Amino acid sequence: MESVATGRRHVLQSVSMEACKFDSVLLAKPLLGWHEFGDVHAVDCCFRNCLVKEARLTRVTLRRCQASAGGIVLWKCILDQVTFDGEYESLRILPPSEHRYAASGNGTFVIDVRTAKCSEIELLGIPPPMVRFDPSSAAVLSRDVLDRAGWPICAVSDYLGGILAKFRSYGGPSSVYAIPTGAEDAPALLAELAALRERGWLQ
């Protein structure tokens, strides 16, 4: 798919894709309902400048995939058991402000990014217990902790400062901050993560 922009509702169920290319694809807010993607598996696929608005993604898995130049943005989407694996220039997940994820006792998750290598990543608004992340390169932001610290946006790196500003606006009571391990300044951001954990600003 290349240079596609549509506001029609799209439904994909029980679909497997291998070595597919999605270049400059916009699935805008449907006029009625939501886009629906269920039991979709993509392997060795490439994504570029892909924006999906107001979709429900259930058991969607991307294995060994790549996303360059704009990457993937899921804008006001609701996720359930979505896994990202591979390399992504940008991966941004912005859930609907009115949606509240409920904790599950059966071990299910909202999103798994443990094997996603990103140059930019944003996972705000999803409760940390519902996110599968690598604790060596990610931490939990808490609104209560940052309130007490006075929201030290100017006392941290520009990257984390930008994440904190967004978290303050729409991140909920707590969210996961994941280091963009594919970025050039990843080593410095990892060192900052460790230092701020010791300081108590990140958990």
C-alpha atoms as a PDB file:
ATOM      1  CA  MET A   1       0.000   0.000   0.000  1.00  0.00           C
ATOM      2  CA  GLU A   2       1.431   3.360  -0.995  1.00  0.00           C
ATOM      3  CA  SER A   3       0.145   6.944  -0.643  1.00  0.00           C
ATOM      4  CA  VAL A   4      -3.228   5.936   0.776  1.00  0.00           C
ATOM      5  CA  ALA A   5      -5.486   8.305   2.733  1.00  0.00           C
ATOM      6  CA  THR A   6      -9.005   7.249   3.609  1.00  0.00           C
ATOM      7  CA  GLY A   7     -11.691   7.829   6.211  1.00  0.00           C
ATOM      8  CA  ARG A   8     -13.556   4.626   5.404  1.00  0.00           C
ATOM      9  CA  ARG A   9     -13.848   2.049   8.178  1.00  0.00           C
ATOM     10  CA  HIS A  10     -11.421  -0.842   7.748  1.00  0.00           C
ATOM     11  CA  VAL A  11     -11.781  -4.309   9.280  1.00  0.00           C
ATOM     12  CA  LEU A  12      -9.060  -6.972   9.181  1.00  0.00           C
ATOM     13  CA  GLN A  13      -9.598 -10.284  10.977  1.00  0.00           C
ATOM     14  CA  SER A  14      -7.344 -13.363  11.039  1.00  0.00           C
ATOM     15  CA  VAL A  15      -4.863 -12.011   8.504  1.00  0.00           C
ATOM     16  CA  SER A  16      -1.176 -12.883   8.078  1.00  0.00           C
ATOM     17  CA  MET A  17       1.178 -10.655   6.099  1.00  0.00           C
ATOM     18  CA  GLU A  18       4.779 -11.331   5.116  1.00  0.00           C
ATOM     19  CA  ALA A  19       7.261  -8.913   3.516  1.00  0.00           C
ATOM     20  CA  CYS A  20       4.564  -6.319   2.836  1.00  0.00           C
ATOM     21  CA  LYS A  21       5.215  -2.589   2.423  1.00  0.00           C
ATOM     22  CA  PHE A  22       3.046   0.238   3.774  1.00  0.00           C
ATOM     23  CA  ASP A  23       4.305   3.636   2.632  1.00  0.00           C
ATOM     24  CA  SER A  24       2.507   6.891   3.579  1.00  0.00           C
ATOM     25  CA  VAL A  25      -0.749   5.367   4.780  1.00  0.00           C
ATOM     26  CA  LEU A  26      -3.375   7.353   6.700  1.00  0.00           C
ATOM     27  CA  LEU A  27      -6.435   5.627   8.075  1.00  0.00           C
ATOM     28  CA  ALA A  28      -8.381   8.625   9.337  1.00  0.00           C
ATOM     29  CA  LYS A  29     -11.158   8.638  11.917  1.00  0.00           C
ATOM     30  CA  PRO A  30     -14.043   6.614  10.449  1.00  0.00           C
ATOM     31  CA  LEU A  31     -17.338   8.360   9.895  1.00  0.00           C
ATOM     32  CA  LEU A  32     -19.026   5.539  11.829  1.00  0.00           C
ATOM     33  CA  GLY A  33     -17.559   3.124  14.346  1.00  0.00           C
ATOM     34  CA  TRP A  34     -13.882   2.179  14.663  1.00  0.00           C
ATOM     35  CA  HIS A  35     -11.320   0.496  12.479  1.00  0.00           C
ATOM     36  CA  GLU A  36     -11.015  -3.104  13.674  1.00  0.00           C
ATOM     37  CA  PHE A  37      -7.855  -5.247  13.489  1.00  0.00           C
ATOM     38  CA  GLY A  38      -8.001  -8.663  15.155  1.00  0.00           C
ATOM     39  CA  ASP A  39      -5.605 -11.612  15.039  1.00  0.00           C
ATOM     40  CA  VAL A  40      -3.341  -9.855  12.547  1.00  0.00           C
ATOM     41  CA  HIS A  41       0.251 -11.050  12.183  1.00  0.00           C
ATOM     42  CA  ALA A  42       2.877  -9.144  10.188  1.00  0.00           C
ATOM     43  CA  VAL A  43       6.347 -10.607   9.617  1.00  0.00           C
ATOM     44  CA  ASP A  44       9.282  -8.855   7.904  1.00  0.00           C
ATOM     45  CA  CYS A  45       7.042  -5.952   6.863  1.00  0.00           C
ATOM     46  CA  CYS A  46       8.052  -2.312   6.311  1.00  0.00           C
ATOM     47  CA  PHE A  47       6.082   0.720   7.462  1.00  0.00           C
ATOM     48  CA  ARG A  48       6.744   4.364   6.585  1.00  0.00           C
ATOM     49  CA  ASN A  49       4.684   7.387   7.662  1.00  0.00           C
ATOM     50  CA  CYS A  50       1.756   5.284   8.849  1.00  0.00           C
ATOM     51  CA  LEU A  51      -0.957   6.930  10.943  1.00  0.00           C
ATOM     52  CA  VAL A  52      -4.024   5.049  12.176  1.00  0.00           C
ATOM     53  CA  LYS A  53      -6.792   6.903  14.019  1.00  0.00           C
ATOM     54  CA  GLU A  54      -9.464   5.466  16.288  1.00  0.00           C
ATOM     55  CA  ALA A  55      -8.903   1.747  15.801  1.00  0.00           C
ATOM     56  CA  ARG A  56      -9.281  -1.298  18.014  1.00  0.00           C
ATOM     57  CA  LEU A  57      -6.304  -3.640  17.766  1.00  0.00           C
ATOM     58  CA  THR A  58      -6.652  -7.092  19.335  1.00  0.00           C
ATOM     59  CA  ARG A  59      -3.927  -9.740  19.205  1.00  0.00           C
ATOM     60  CA  VAL A  60      -1.885  -7.861  16.617  1.00  0.00           C
ATOM     61  CA  THR A  61       1.760  -8.905  16.296  1.00  0.00           C
ATOM     62  CA  LEU A  62       4.587  -7.329  14.306  1.00  0.00           C
ATOM     63  CA  ARG A  63       7.664  -9.567  14.085  1.00  0.00           C
ATOM     64  CA  ARG A  64      10.992  -8.459  12.596  1.00  0.00           C
ATOM     65  CA  CYS A  65       9.297  -5.408  11.134  1.00  0.00           C
ATOM     66  CA  GLN A  66      10.784  -2.010  10.302  1.00  0.00           C
ATOM     67  CA  ALA A  67       9.344   1.479  10.328  1.00  0.00           C
ATOM     68  CA  SER A  68      11.371   4.409   9.006  1.00  0.00           C
ATOM     69  CA  ALA A  69      10.682   8.090   8.253  1.00  0.00           C
ATOM     70  CA  GLY A  70       7.720   8.820  10.467  1.00  0.00           C
ATOM     71  CA  GLY A  71       7.239   5.277  11.678  1.00  0.00           C
ATOM     72  CA  ILE A  72       3.918   4.238  13.167  1.00  0.00           C
ATOM     73  CA  VAL A  73       1.445   6.406  15.070  1.00  0.00           C
ATOM     74  CA  LEU A  74      -1.657   4.886  16.661  1.00  0.00           C
ATOM     75  CA  TRP A  75      -3.788   7.914  17.517  1.00  0.00           C
ATOM     76  CA  LYS A  76      -6.567   7.374  20.058  1.00  0.00           C
ATOM     77  CA  CYS A  77      -6.533   3.632  19.498  1.00  0.00           C
ATOM     78  CA  ILE A  78      -7.526   0.907  21.960  1.00  0.00           C
ATOM     79  CA  LEU A  79      -5.033  -1.944  22.174  1.00  0.00           C
ATOM     80  CA  ASP A  80      -5.257  -5.482  23.525  1.00  0.00           C
ATOM     81  CA  GLN A  81      -2.280  -7.852  23.282  1.00  0.00           C
ATOM     82  CA  VAL A  82      -0.363  -5.887  20.651  1.00  0.00           C
ATOM     83  CA  THR A  83       3.320  -6.787  20.175  1.00  0.00           C
ATOM     84  CA  PHE A  84       5.983  -4.725  18.426  1.00  0.00           C
ATOM     85  CA  ASP A  85       9.256  -6.416  17.474  1.00  0.00           C
ATOM     86  CA  GLY A  86      11.878  -4.959  15.147  1.00  0.00           C
ATOM     87  CA  GLU A  87      13.283  -1.495  14.428  1.00  0.00           C
ATOM     88  CA  TYR A  88      11.170   1.659  14.410  1.00  0.00           C
ATOM     89  CA  GLU A  89      12.212   5.226  13.665  1.00  0.00           C
ATOM     90  CA  SER A  90       9.147   6.321  15.612  1.00  0.00           C
ATOM     91  CA  LEU A  91       6.496   4.462  17.577  1.00  0.00           C
ATOM     92  CA  ARG A  92       3.798   6.571  19.224  1.00  0.00           C
ATOM     93  CA  ILE A  93       0.737   5.216  21.014  1.00  0.00           C
ATOM     94  CA  LEU A  94      -1.906   7.740  22.094  1.00  0.00           C
ATOM     95  CA  PRO A  95      -4.960   6.072  23.657  1.00  0.00           C
ATOM     96  CA  PRO A  96      -8.346   7.811  23.816  1.00  0.00           C
ATOM     97  CA  SER A  97      -8.586  10.110  26.829  1.00  0.00           C
ATOM     98  CA  GLU A  98     -12.001   8.714  27.737  1.00  0.00           C
ATOM     99  CA  HIS A  99     -10.845   5.068  27.700  1.00  0.00           C
ATOM    100  CA  ARG A 100      -9.614   3.447  30.908  1.00  0.00           C
ATOM    101  CA  TYR A 101      -7.713   0.198  30.738  1.00  0.00           C
ATOM    102  CA  ALA A 102      -8.762  -2.217  33.484  1.00  0.00           C
ATOM    103  CA  ALA A 103      -6.197  -4.427  35.180  1.00  0.00           C
ATOM    104  CA  SER A 104      -6.604  -8.065  34.234  1.00  0.00           C
ATOM    105  CA  GLY A 105      -5.966 -11.061  36.441  1.00  0.00           C
ATOM    106  CA  ASN A 106      -5.396 -13.509  33.590  1.00  0.00           C
ATOM    107  CA  GLY A 107      -1.973 -12.262  32.523  1.00  0.00           C
ATOM    108  CA  THR A 108      -3.097 -10.388  29.430  1.00  0.00           C
ATOM    109  CA  PHE A 109      -1.425  -7.154  28.364  1.00  0.00           C
ATOM    110  CA  VAL A 110      -2.089  -4.080  26.270  1.00  0.00           C
ATOM    111  CA  ILE A 111       1.255  -3.700  24.514  1.00  0.00           C
ATOM    112  CA  ASP A 112       4.605  -5.505  24.437  1.00  0.00           C
ATOM    113  CA  VAL A 113       7.655  -3.482  23.355  1.00  0.00           C
ATOM    114  CA  ARG A 114      10.418  -5.584  24.928  1.00  0.00           C
ATOM    115  CA  THR A 115      12.073  -6.316  21.592  1.00  0.00           C
ATOM    116  CA  ALA A 116      11.257  -3.076  19.781  1.00  0.00           C
ATOM    117  CA  LYS A 117      14.281  -0.900  19.005  1.00  0.00           C
ATOM    118  CA  CYS A 118      13.117   2.666  18.456  1.00  0.00           C
ATOM    119  CA  SER A 119      14.663   6.057  17.738  1.00  0.00           C
ATOM    120  CA  GLU A 120      11.587   7.674  19.290  1.00  0.00           C
ATOM    121  CA  ILE A 121       8.921   6.005  21.427  1.00  0.00           C
ATOM    122  CA  GLU A 122       5.879   7.259  23.326  1.00  0.00           C
ATOM    123  CA  LEU A 123       3.627   5.011  25.417  1.00  0.00           C
ATOM    124  CA  LEU A 124       1.749   7.527  27.531  1.00  0.00           C
ATOM    125  CA  GLY A 125      -1.706   6.887  28.956  1.00  0.00           C
ATOM    126  CA  ILE A 126      -1.445   3.099  29.349  1.00  0.00           C
ATOM    127  CA  PRO A 127      -1.180   1.770  32.946  1.00  0.00           C
ATOM    128  CA  PRO A 128       2.322   0.320  33.468  1.00  0.00           C
ATOM    129  CA  PRO A 129       1.042  -3.080  34.692  1.00  0.00           C
ATOM    130  CA  MET A 130      -0.514  -3.526  31.251  1.00  0.00           C
ATOM    131  CA  VAL A 131       2.738  -2.801  29.403  1.00  0.00           C
ATOM    132  CA  ARG A 132       5.417  -5.433  28.835  1.00  0.00           C
ATOM    133  CA  PHE A 133       8.721  -3.557  28.794  1.00  0.00           C
ATOM    134  CA  ASP A 134      12.408  -4.156  29.465  1.00  0.00           C
ATOM    135  CA  PRO A 135      13.179  -2.666  32.914  1.00  0.00           C
ATOM    136  CA  SER A 136      16.800  -2.124  31.879  1.00  0.00           C
ATOM    137  CA  SER A 137      15.678   0.494  29.359  1.00  0.00           C
ATOM    138  CA  ALA A 138      12.341   1.722  30.689  1.00  0.00           C
ATOM    139  CA  ALA A 139      10.821   3.060  33.901  1.00  0.00           C
ATOM    140  CA  VAL A 140       7.531   4.230  35.345  1.00  0.00           C
ATOM    141  CA  LEU A 141       6.503   7.863  35.498  1.00  0.00           C
ATOM    142  CA  SER A 142       4.217   8.713  38.436  1.00  0.00           C
ATOM    143  CA  ARG A 143       2.169  11.907  38.534  1.00  0.00           C
ATOM    144  CA  ASP A 144       2.298  11.979  42.362  1.00  0.00           C
ATOM    145  CA  VAL A 145       6.101  11.699  42.400  1.00  0.00           C
ATOM    146  CA  LEU A 146       6.573  14.358  39.736  1.00  0.00           C
ATOM    147  CA  ASP A 147       4.109  16.675  41.483  1.00  0.00           C
ATOM    148  CA  ARG A 148       6.265  16.453  44.607  1.00  0.00           C
ATOM    149  CA  ALA A 149       9.413  17.037  42.550  1.00  0.00           C
ATOM    150  CA  GLY A 150       7.887  20.137  40.938  1.00  0.00           C
ATOM    151  CA  TRP A 151       7.890  18.657  37.435  1.00  0.00           C
ATOM    152  CA  PRO A 152      11.651  19.047  36.786  1.00  0.00           C
ATOM    153  CA  ILE A 153      11.312  19.373  33.006  1.00  0.00           C
ATOM    154  CA  CYS A 154      14.242  21.801  32.764  1.00  0.00           C
ATOM    155  CA  ALA A 155      16.478  19.615  34.954  1.00  0.00           C
ATOM    156  CA  VAL A 156      16.464  16.577  32.666  1.00  0.00           C
ATOM    157  CA  SER A 157      17.468  15.823  29.071  1.00  0.00           C
ATOM    158  CA  ASP A 158      15.532  17.446  26.252  1.00  0.00           C
ATOM    159  CA  TYR A 159      14.112  14.066  25.268  1.00  0.00           C
ATOM    160  CA  LEU A 160      12.814  13.201  28.730  1.00  0.00           C
ATOM    161  CA  GLY A 161      11.684  16.803  29.207  1.00  0.00           C
ATOM    162  CA  GLY A 162       9.481  16.476  26.132  1.00  0.00           C
ATOM    163  CA  ILE A 163       8.024  13.216  27.418  1.00  0.00           C
ATOM    164  CA  LEU A 164       7.331  14.778  30.833  1.00  0.00           C
ATOM    165  CA  ALA A 165       5.515  17.713  29.228  1.00  0.00           C
ATOM    166  CA  LYS A 166       3.276  15.307  27.315  1.00  0.00           C
ATOM    167  CA  PHE A 167       2.785  13.084  30.365  1.00  0.00           C
ATOM    168  CA  ARG A 168       1.701  16.090  32.408  1.00  0.00           C
ATOM    169  CA  SER A 169      -0.941  16.882  29.774  1.00  0.00           C
ATOM    170  CA  TYR A 170      -2.443  13.470  29.046  1.00  0.00           C
ATOM    171  CA  GLY A 171      -0.427  10.627  30.571  1.00  0.00           C
ATOM    172  CA  GLY A 172      -2.823   9.557  33.331  1.00  0.00           C
ATOM    173  CA  PRO A 173      -1.707   8.833  36.913  1.00  0.00           C
ATOM    174  CA  SER A 174       1.260   6.750  35.710  1.00  0.00           C
ATOM    175  CA  SER A 175       2.824   5.729  32.404  1.00  0.00           C
ATOM    176  CA  VAL A 176       5.863   3.909  31.046  1.00  0.00           C
ATOM    177  CA  TYR A 177       8.849   5.932  29.859  1.00  0.00           C
ATOM    178  CA  ALA A 178      10.860   3.814  27.423  1.00  0.00           C
ATOM    179  CA  ILE A 179      14.353   4.807  26.294  1.00  0.00           C
ATOM    180  CA  PRO A 180      14.655   5.057  22.504  1.00  0.00           C
ATOM    181  CA  THR A 181      17.439   2.480  22.322  1.00  0.00           C
ATOM    182  CA  GLY A 182      17.880   3.104  18.604  1.00  0.00           C
ATOM    183  CA  ALA A 183      18.674   6.803  19.088  1.00  0.00           C
ATOM    184  CA  GLU A 184      22.213   8.183  18.896  1.00  0.00           C
ATOM    185  CA  ASP A 185      22.024   9.509  22.459  1.00  0.00           C
ATOM    186  CA  ALA A 186      20.649   6.247  23.900  1.00  0.00           C
ATOM    187  CA  PRO A 187      23.724   5.659  26.157  1.00  0.00           C
ATOM    188  CA  ALA A 188      23.295   9.093  27.759  1.00  0.00           C
ATOM    189  CA  LEU A 189      19.554   8.532  28.192  1.00  0.00           C
ATOM    190  CA  LEU A 190      20.195   5.141  29.812  1.00  0.00           C
ATOM    191  CA  ALA A 191      22.651   6.754  32.237  1.00  0.00           C
ATOM    192  CA  GLU A 192      20.066   9.433  33.020  1.00  0.00           C
ATOM    193  CA  LEU A 193      17.454   6.752  33.613  1.00  0.00           C
ATOM    194  CA  ALA A 194      19.665   5.063  36.204  1.00  0.00           C
ATOM    195  CA  ALA A 195      20.483   8.367  37.929  1.00  0.00           C
ATOM    196  CA  LEU A 196      16.848   9.465  38.124  1.00  0.00           C
ATOM    197  CA  ARG A 197      15.836   6.069  39.484  1.00  0.00           C
ATOM    198  CA  GLU A 198      18.335   6.548  42.311  1.00  0.00           C
ATOM    199  CA  ARG A 199      16.930  10.010  42.893  1.00  0.00           C
ATOM    200  CA  GLY A 200      13.410   8.645  43.076  1.00  0.00           C
ATOM    201  CA  TRP A 201      11.972  10.633  40.171  1.00  0.00           C
ATOM    202  CA  LEU A 202      11.491   7.469  38.097  1.00  0.00           C
ATOM    203  CA  GLN A 203      10.542   4.032  39.376  1.00  0.00           C
END
